[in-house]
Amino acid sequence: MNEEQELPGKILIVDDTPANIDVLGKTLEEEGYEISAAPTGEIALEIADNFCPDLILLDIMMPGIDGFETCNRLKENPITKDIAVIFISALNDTDQICKGFDHGGMDYITKPFRREEVLARVRTHIKLRTLLKQQEKQNQILEQKVQDRTKELRDTRLEVINRLGLAGEYRDNETGMHVVRMSQFSARLGLEAGMSIEESELLLQASPMHDIGKIGIPDSILLKPGKLDPKEREIMNTHVDIGAEILSGNDSSLMQMAKAVALHHHEKWDGSGYPKGLKGKEISFEGRIVAICDVFDALTSERPYKKAWTIENAMEFLEEKKGTHFQPDLVDKFKIILPEVIEIRSKFSDDKEL
């Protein structure tokens, strides 16, 4: 333990009379307190910022700003607002004492000083200050533990959600990284499009479940290497309804958004999509966002039945489909975040495991 830690506390004495500073200073130093002194309120304010005392003994009647105004300014400063202030004065007047409390003082000592009274009051407030610091430190530790636990729960929930999404992708997507990438794209595009951080976080967790309904599609259709015939396409398109049904029955914000994403991510801006042929803003906002991110990642990913498109070709496709498949201004915003999208693709490439 170093010398500073062994000291019982730091005290700033503010008084325009040197003799008073001398008496108080010697009395407190004999008890092991670290002392600093100021002859005026203005100087006291400067010292307090750097000295960071545990307690201030503050004279009321001083040249320049008086003790009351000095105390006001101390309480307005985030650095010094929690420091205990004991007013000292030769005036033993009830109105003055009450005024001191009104201005933020914690106690009052009258002159001439009585050694035992000074030491008793100082010890009391230093102890309170120490207890408050300990409580503050304990609160910080607890807050950090809560934050760590919250992050752990959030990461666990996201992992479960991603693996639930993988259940829908697993049979026609070798790695399942598609659900991770497109959900990351969606959350970032949501922010760019005006979502709050909380809303984009919800979209990050909801979007991996967009194709969960594929678990209800027969392998003969889902894994067919060639083009689907009209009847097969009709069955394939039911995966959005199956997904919405799986995600129904829960009123949480997450499940409500996940249901909307599952049901709407194949709707198109011009009304030519499925399952309902919704048009424009009839489609949920999150559905419009996921539609872009899902298509972009599908185009730029290699599959057994196709080669991966280049980033440039995929962006040309999005541009071409502005106003028909996709909401035009969302495509423009996707272009803005494209550098981040490319970075996400690199981080979660198909050669990595979920």
Protein backbone atom coordinates (compact mmCIF):
# COMPACT_ATOMS: atom_id res chain seq x y z
CA MET A 1 0.00 0.00 0.00
CA ASN A 2 1.49 3.40 -0.99
CA GLU A 3 1.60 6.53 1.12
CA GLU A 4 -1.38 8.13 -0.63
CA GLN A 5 -3.57 5.11 0.10
CA GLU A 6 -2.52 5.15 3.77
CA LEU A 7 -3.72 8.72 4.24
CA PRO A 8 -7.21 8.91 5.78
CA GLY A 9 -8.36 11.54 3.30
CA LYS A 10 -7.70 14.74 1.37
CA ILE A 11 -9.05 18.06 2.65
CA LEU A 12 -9.15 21.48 1.01
CA ILE A 13 -9.27 24.44 3.44
CA VAL A 14 -10.63 27.69 1.98
CA ASP A 15 -10.22 30.79 4.16
CA ASP A 16 -8.91 34.32 3.55
CA THR A 17 -7.27 34.42 7.00
CA PRO A 18 -3.84 32.70 7.00
CA ALA A 19 -4.02 32.05 10.75
CA ASN A 20 -7.20 30.02 10.33
CA ILE A 21 -5.64 27.96 7.55
CA ASP A 22 -2.57 27.42 9.72
CA VAL A 23 -4.60 26.23 12.74
CA LEU A 24 -6.87 23.93 10.77
CA GLY A 25 -4.06 22.66 8.58
CA LYS A 26 -1.80 21.68 11.48
CA THR A 27 -4.67 20.10 13.40
CA LEU A 28 -5.68 17.92 10.45
CA GLU A 29 -2.16 17.09 9.29
CA GLU A 30 -1.42 15.73 12.77
CA GLU A 31 -4.22 13.23 12.15
CA GLY A 32 -2.71 12.16 8.82
CA TYR A 33 -4.95 14.10 6.43
CA GLU A 34 -3.47 15.46 3.20
CA ILE A 35 -4.09 19.21 3.14
CA SER A 36 -4.34 21.84 0.44
CA ALA A 37 -5.38 25.45 1.03
CA ALA A 38 -6.84 28.41 -0.87
CA PRO A 39 -7.29 32.05 0.25
CA THR A 40 -10.23 32.77 -2.09
CA GLY A 41 -13.19 31.00 -3.65
CA GLU A 42 -11.83 31.48 -7.16
CA ILE A 43 -8.53 29.77 -6.31
CA ALA A 44 -10.38 27.05 -4.43
CA LEU A 45 -12.35 26.17 -7.58
CA GLU A 46 -9.12 25.78 -9.56
CA ILE A 47 -7.46 23.65 -6.89
CA ALA A 48 -10.51 21.41 -6.35
CA ASP A 49 -10.48 20.24 -9.98
CA ASN A 50 -6.94 18.88 -9.70
CA PHE A 51 -6.61 18.07 -5.99
CA CYS A 52 -9.92 16.15 -5.87
CA PRO A 53 -10.42 16.48 -2.09
CA ASP A 54 -12.68 14.23 -0.08
CA LEU A 55 -13.85 17.19 1.98
CA ILE A 56 -13.81 21.00 1.72
CA LEU A 57 -13.79 23.31 4.74
CA LEU A 58 -15.18 26.53 3.28
CA ASP A 59 -15.24 29.96 4.87
CA ILE A 60 -18.35 32.04 4.16
CA MET A 61 -17.11 35.64 4.30
CA MET A 62 -14.27 36.06 1.75
CA PRO A 63 -13.19 38.68 -0.78
CA GLY A 64 -14.43 38.02 -4.30
CA ILE A 65 -17.04 35.29 -4.44
CA ASP A 66 -18.23 34.27 -0.99
CA GLY A 67 -18.49 30.75 0.37
CA PHE A 68 -22.10 30.32 -0.72
CA GLU A 69 -21.31 31.15 -4.37
CA THR A 70 -18.17 29.01 -4.24
CA CYS A 71 -20.28 26.09 -3.03
CA ASN A 72 -22.82 26.68 -5.81
CA ARG A 73 -20.08 26.46 -8.43
CA LEU A 74 -18.60 23.35 -6.87
CA LYS A 75 -21.99 21.65 -7.08
CA GLU A 76 -22.41 22.69 -10.73
CA ASN A 77 -19.11 21.07 -11.70
CA PRO A 78 -19.43 17.32 -12.49
CA ILE A 79 -15.92 16.76 -11.12
CA THR A 80 -16.58 18.37 -7.72
CA LYS A 81 -20.34 18.12 -7.26
CA ASP A 82 -20.18 15.13 -4.90
CA ILE A 83 -17.49 16.53 -2.58
CA ALA A 84 -18.82 17.21 0.92
CA VAL A 85 -18.61 20.85 2.04
CA ILE A 86 -18.47 22.02 5.67
CA PHE A 87 -18.99 25.76 6.04
CA ILE A 88 -16.84 27.58 8.62
CA SER A 89 -17.78 30.99 9.99
CA ALA A 90 -17.58 33.23 13.02
CA LEU A 91 -21.32 33.85 12.56
CA ASN A 92 -23.38 31.54 14.72
CA ASP A 93 -26.62 32.62 13.11
CA THR A 94 -29.48 30.20 12.37
CA ASP A 95 -30.34 31.93 9.10
CA GLN A 96 -26.72 31.69 7.91
CA ILE A 97 -26.52 28.04 8.90
CA CYS A 98 -29.75 27.23 7.03
CA LYS A 99 -28.54 29.22 4.01
CA GLY A 100 -25.40 27.11 3.98
CA PHE A 101 -27.46 23.92 3.81
CA ASP A 102 -29.59 25.44 1.05
CA HIS A 103 -26.44 26.03 -1.02
CA GLY A 104 -25.30 22.42 -0.70
CA GLY A 105 -23.31 22.41 2.52
CA MET A 106 -23.29 19.24 4.60
CA ASP A 107 -22.30 20.70 7.97
CA TYR A 108 -21.30 23.90 9.80
CA ILE A 109 -18.37 24.70 12.14
CA THR A 110 -18.14 27.98 14.03
CA LYS A 111 -15.03 29.98 14.89
CA PRO A 112 -13.03 29.94 17.09
CA PHE A 113 -12.31 26.31 16.31
CA ARG A 114 -12.56 23.61 18.94
CA ARG A 115 -10.11 20.87 18.05
CA GLU A 116 -12.21 17.88 19.10
CA GLU A 117 -15.31 19.24 17.37
CA VAL A 118 -13.39 19.84 14.13
CA LEU A 119 -11.84 16.38 14.18
CA ALA A 120 -15.14 14.67 15.02
CA ARG A 121 -17.03 16.39 12.20
CA VAL A 122 -14.22 15.82 9.71
CA ARG A 123 -13.94 12.13 10.61
CA THR A 124 -17.68 11.70 10.18
CA HIS A 125 -17.78 13.24 6.71
CA ILE A 126 -14.58 11.57 5.53
CA LYS A 127 -16.05 8.23 6.60
CA LEU A 128 -19.28 9.01 4.74
CA ARG A 129 -17.26 9.99 1.67
CA THR A 130 -15.28 6.75 1.88
CA LEU A 131 -18.46 4.70 2.19
CA LEU A 132 -19.97 6.51 -0.80
CA LYS A 133 -16.86 5.81 -2.87
CA GLN A 134 -16.96 2.16 -1.88
CA GLN A 135 -20.65 2.00 -2.76
CA GLU A 136 -20.00 3.69 -6.10
CA LYS A 137 -17.22 1.23 -6.88
CA GLN A 138 -19.44 -1.68 -5.90
CA ASN A 139 -22.22 -0.30 -8.10
CA GLN A 140 -19.79 -0.07 -11.03
CA ILE A 141 -18.72 -3.66 -10.47
CA LEU A 142 -22.35 -4.80 -10.33
CA GLU A 143 -23.23 -2.75 -13.40
CA GLN A 144 -20.36 -4.32 -15.31
CA LYS A 145 -21.50 -7.77 -14.23
CA VAL A 146 -25.03 -6.98 -15.42
CA GLN A 147 -23.66 -5.73 -18.75
CA ASP A 148 -21.51 -8.84 -19.14
CA ARG A 149 -24.43 -11.11 -18.30
CA THR A 150 -26.75 -9.20 -20.63
CA LYS A 151 -24.22 -9.54 -23.44
CA GLU A 152 -23.86 -13.24 -22.71
CA LEU A 153 -27.63 -13.71 -22.85
CA ARG A 154 -27.87 -11.62 -26.00
CA ASP A 155 -25.08 -13.60 -27.70
CA THR A 156 -26.68 -16.88 -26.63
CA ARG A 157 -30.08 -15.82 -27.95
CA LEU A 158 -28.53 -14.73 -31.24
CA GLU A 159 -26.69 -18.04 -31.52
CA VAL A 160 -29.93 -19.97 -30.95
CA ILE A 161 -31.74 -17.78 -33.48
CA ASN A 162 -28.99 -18.24 -36.07
CA ARG A 163 -29.15 -21.99 -35.62
CA LEU A 164 -32.93 -21.91 -35.90
CA GLY A 165 -32.47 -19.99 -39.13
CA LEU A 166 -29.93 -22.58 -40.22
CA ALA A 167 -32.62 -25.24 -39.84
CA GLY A 168 -34.41 -23.61 -42.74
CA GLU A 169 -31.27 -23.12 -44.79
CA TYR A 170 -29.44 -26.34 -43.99
CA ARG A 171 -30.88 -28.48 -46.70
CA ASP A 172 -30.01 -26.12 -49.55
CA ASN A 173 -27.11 -24.13 -48.05
CA GLU A 174 -24.00 -26.01 -47.03
CA THR A 175 -22.69 -23.69 -44.30
CA GLY A 176 -25.62 -21.60 -43.10
CA MET A 177 -23.43 -18.48 -43.17
CA HIS A 178 -26.03 -16.90 -45.43
CA VAL A 179 -28.35 -16.27 -42.48
CA VAL A 180 -25.52 -14.63 -40.53
CA ARG A 181 -24.44 -12.38 -43.39
CA MET A 182 -27.87 -11.23 -44.50
CA SER A 183 -28.91 -10.53 -40.91
CA GLN A 184 -25.80 -8.39 -40.42
CA PHE A 185 -26.52 -6.59 -43.71
CA SER A 186 -30.14 -6.05 -42.65
CA ALA A 187 -29.26 -4.56 -39.27
CA ARG A 188 -26.77 -2.17 -40.84
CA LEU A 189 -29.18 -1.15 -43.61
CA GLY A 190 -31.88 -0.64 -41.00
CA LEU A 191 -29.66 1.83 -39.17
CA GLU A 192 -28.85 3.64 -42.40
CA ALA A 193 -32.56 3.82 -43.22
CA GLY A 194 -33.46 5.42 -39.88
CA MET A 195 -34.02 2.57 -37.46
CA SER A 196 -32.95 3.10 -33.87
CA ILE A 197 -30.12 1.02 -32.46
CA GLU A 198 -32.69 -1.05 -30.56
CA GLU A 199 -34.77 -1.64 -33.70
CA SER A 200 -31.74 -2.63 -35.77
CA GLU A 201 -30.66 -5.02 -33.01
CA LEU A 202 -34.12 -6.58 -33.13
CA LEU A 203 -33.84 -6.93 -36.91
CA LEU A 204 -30.42 -8.57 -36.49
CA GLN A 205 -32.09 -11.21 -34.34
CA ALA A 206 -35.31 -11.55 -36.35
CA SER A 207 -33.96 -11.75 -39.91
CA PRO A 208 -32.10 -15.09 -39.59
CA MET A 209 -35.52 -16.75 -39.32
CA HIS A 210 -36.71 -15.43 -42.69
CA ASP A 211 -36.62 -18.84 -44.41
CA ILE A 212 -37.49 -21.08 -41.45
CA GLY A 213 -40.53 -22.24 -43.43
CA LYS A 214 -38.27 -24.16 -45.82
CA ILE A 215 -38.22 -27.01 -43.32
CA GLY A 216 -41.77 -27.74 -44.53
CA ILE A 217 -40.86 -28.01 -48.23
CA PRO A 218 -40.28 -31.52 -49.67
CA ASP A 219 -36.71 -32.37 -50.67
CA SER A 220 -37.84 -33.21 -54.18
CA ILE A 221 -38.69 -29.55 -54.68
CA LEU A 222 -36.21 -27.81 -52.39
CA LEU A 223 -33.21 -29.72 -53.77
CA LYS A 224 -34.31 -29.95 -57.40
CA PRO A 225 -31.30 -28.94 -59.55
CA GLY A 226 -33.36 -27.65 -62.46
CA LYS A 227 -36.10 -25.08 -62.85
CA LEU A 228 -39.29 -25.67 -60.88
CA ASP A 229 -42.50 -26.23 -62.79
CA PRO A 230 -45.53 -24.05 -61.93
CA LYS A 231 -46.94 -26.55 -59.44
CA GLU A 232 -43.59 -27.00 -57.74
CA ARG A 233 -43.08 -23.22 -57.63
CA GLU A 234 -46.47 -22.85 -55.98
CA ILE A 235 -45.48 -25.34 -53.29
CA MET A 236 -42.06 -23.71 -52.86
CA ASN A 237 -43.70 -20.33 -52.34
CA THR A 238 -45.64 -21.66 -49.37
CA HIS A 239 -42.46 -21.58 -47.27
CA VAL A 240 -43.27 -17.99 -46.32
CA ASP A 241 -46.68 -18.98 -44.94
CA ILE A 242 -45.16 -21.99 -43.17
CA GLY A 243 -42.53 -19.72 -41.63
CA ALA A 244 -45.12 -17.18 -40.50
CA GLU A 245 -47.16 -19.99 -38.93
CA ILE A 246 -44.11 -21.34 -37.08
CA LEU A 247 -43.35 -17.88 -35.73
CA SER A 248 -46.96 -17.06 -34.74
CA GLY A 249 -48.50 -17.23 -31.32
CA ASN A 250 -46.04 -15.03 -29.44
CA ASP A 251 -46.53 -11.31 -28.78
CA SER A 252 -42.86 -10.44 -28.20
CA SER A 253 -41.39 -7.74 -30.42
CA LEU A 254 -38.78 -10.17 -31.70
CA MET A 255 -41.25 -12.83 -32.78
CA GLN A 256 -43.61 -10.27 -34.29
CA MET A 257 -40.79 -8.84 -36.40
CA ALA A 258 -39.53 -12.31 -37.32
CA LYS A 259 -43.02 -13.25 -38.50
CA ALA A 260 -43.26 -10.09 -40.62
CA VAL A 261 -39.84 -10.77 -42.16
CA ALA A 262 -40.72 -14.38 -42.95
CA LEU A 263 -44.03 -13.38 -44.52
CA HIS A 264 -42.89 -10.31 -46.48
CA HIS A 265 -39.33 -10.83 -47.69
CA HIS A 266 -40.56 -12.16 -51.07
CA GLU A 267 -43.05 -9.34 -51.60
CA LYS A 268 -42.02 -6.79 -54.24
CA TRP A 269 -42.26 -3.00 -54.31
CA ASP A 270 -44.48 -3.05 -57.43
CA GLY A 271 -46.89 -5.66 -56.03
CA SER A 272 -45.69 -8.59 -58.15
CA GLY A 273 -44.30 -10.61 -55.25
CA TYR A 274 -45.84 -13.28 -53.01
CA PRO A 275 -47.68 -14.47 -50.98
CA LYS A 276 -50.14 -11.54 -50.88
CA GLY A 277 -48.96 -9.34 -53.75
CA LEU A 278 -48.46 -6.43 -51.36
CA LYS A 279 -47.29 -3.16 -52.88
CA GLY A 280 -45.02 -0.37 -51.65
CA LYS A 281 -45.40 0.46 -48.00
CA GLU A 282 -48.05 -2.21 -47.55
CA ILE A 283 -44.96 -4.39 -47.13
CA SER A 284 -43.45 -4.17 -43.65
CA PHE A 285 -40.36 -1.96 -43.42
CA GLU A 286 -38.26 -4.83 -42.15
CA GLY A 287 -39.53 -7.02 -44.99
CA ARG A 288 -38.41 -4.43 -47.55
CA ILE A 289 -34.96 -4.25 -45.95
CA VAL A 290 -34.46 -8.01 -45.75
CA ALA A 291 -35.60 -8.45 -49.38
CA ILE A 292 -32.58 -6.46 -50.59
CA CYS A 293 -30.08 -8.07 -48.22
CA ASP A 294 -31.34 -11.60 -48.85
CA VAL A 295 -31.16 -11.24 -52.65
CA PHE A 296 -27.76 -9.57 -52.60
CA ASP A 297 -26.20 -12.32 -50.50
CA ALA A 298 -27.88 -15.07 -52.51
CA LEU A 299 -26.57 -13.59 -55.76
CA THR A 300 -23.00 -13.22 -54.48
CA SER A 301 -22.89 -16.71 -52.94
CA GLU A 302 -21.93 -19.88 -54.78
CA ARG A 303 -24.46 -22.72 -54.80
CA PRO A 304 -24.42 -26.20 -56.34
CA TYR A 305 -26.71 -24.92 -59.08
CA LYS A 306 -24.93 -21.59 -59.79
CA LYS A 307 -21.71 -19.65 -59.54
CA ALA A 308 -21.39 -16.59 -57.33
CA TRP A 309 -22.04 -13.24 -58.98
CA THR A 310 -19.52 -10.45 -58.63
CA ILE A 311 -20.32 -7.57 -56.29
CA GLU A 312 -20.57 -5.29 -59.32
CA ASN A 313 -23.06 -7.53 -61.12
CA ALA A 314 -25.17 -7.95 -57.99
CA MET A 315 -25.30 -4.16 -57.50
CA GLU A 316 -26.29 -3.73 -61.15
CA PHE A 317 -29.16 -6.14 -60.52
CA LEU A 318 -30.33 -4.16 -57.48
CA GLU A 319 -30.19 -0.95 -59.53
CA GLU A 320 -32.12 -2.59 -62.35
CA LYS A 321 -34.84 -3.73 -59.94
CA LYS A 322 -35.28 -0.37 -58.19
CA GLY A 323 -38.94 0.53 -58.19
CA THR A 324 -40.06 -2.95 -59.26
CA HIS A 325 -38.61 -5.52 -56.86
CA PHE A 326 -37.03 -3.15 -54.35
CA GLN A 327 -37.82 0.15 -52.65
CA PRO A 328 -35.63 2.64 -54.59
CA ASP A 329 -34.25 4.69 -51.71
CA LEU A 330 -33.34 1.54 -49.75
CA VAL A 331 -31.20 0.41 -52.69
CA ASP A 332 -29.48 3.81 -52.60
CA LYS A 333 -28.82 3.40 -48.88
CA PHE A 334 -27.50 -0.13 -49.47
CA LYS A 335 -24.96 1.38 -51.88
CA ILE A 336 -23.81 3.71 -49.09
CA ILE A 337 -23.12 0.82 -46.72
CA LEU A 338 -21.58 -1.41 -49.43
CA PRO A 339 -18.02 -1.14 -47.97
CA GLU A 340 -19.35 -2.49 -44.65
CA VAL A 341 -21.31 -5.18 -46.49
CA ILE A 342 -18.14 -6.34 -48.24
CA GLU A 343 -16.33 -6.42 -44.91
CA ILE A 344 -19.12 -8.50 -43.37
CA ARG A 345 -18.98 -10.92 -46.32
CA SER A 346 -15.26 -11.37 -45.75
CA LYS A 347 -15.73 -11.94 -42.02
CA PHE A 348 -18.51 -14.51 -42.50
CA SER A 349 -17.42 -16.31 -45.65
CA ASP A 350 -18.83 -19.70 -46.64
CA ASP A 351 -15.61 -21.49 -45.73
CA LYS A 352 -16.21 -20.70 -42.07
CA GLU A 353 -18.48 -22.58 -39.71
CA LEU A 354 -21.45 -21.08 -37.87
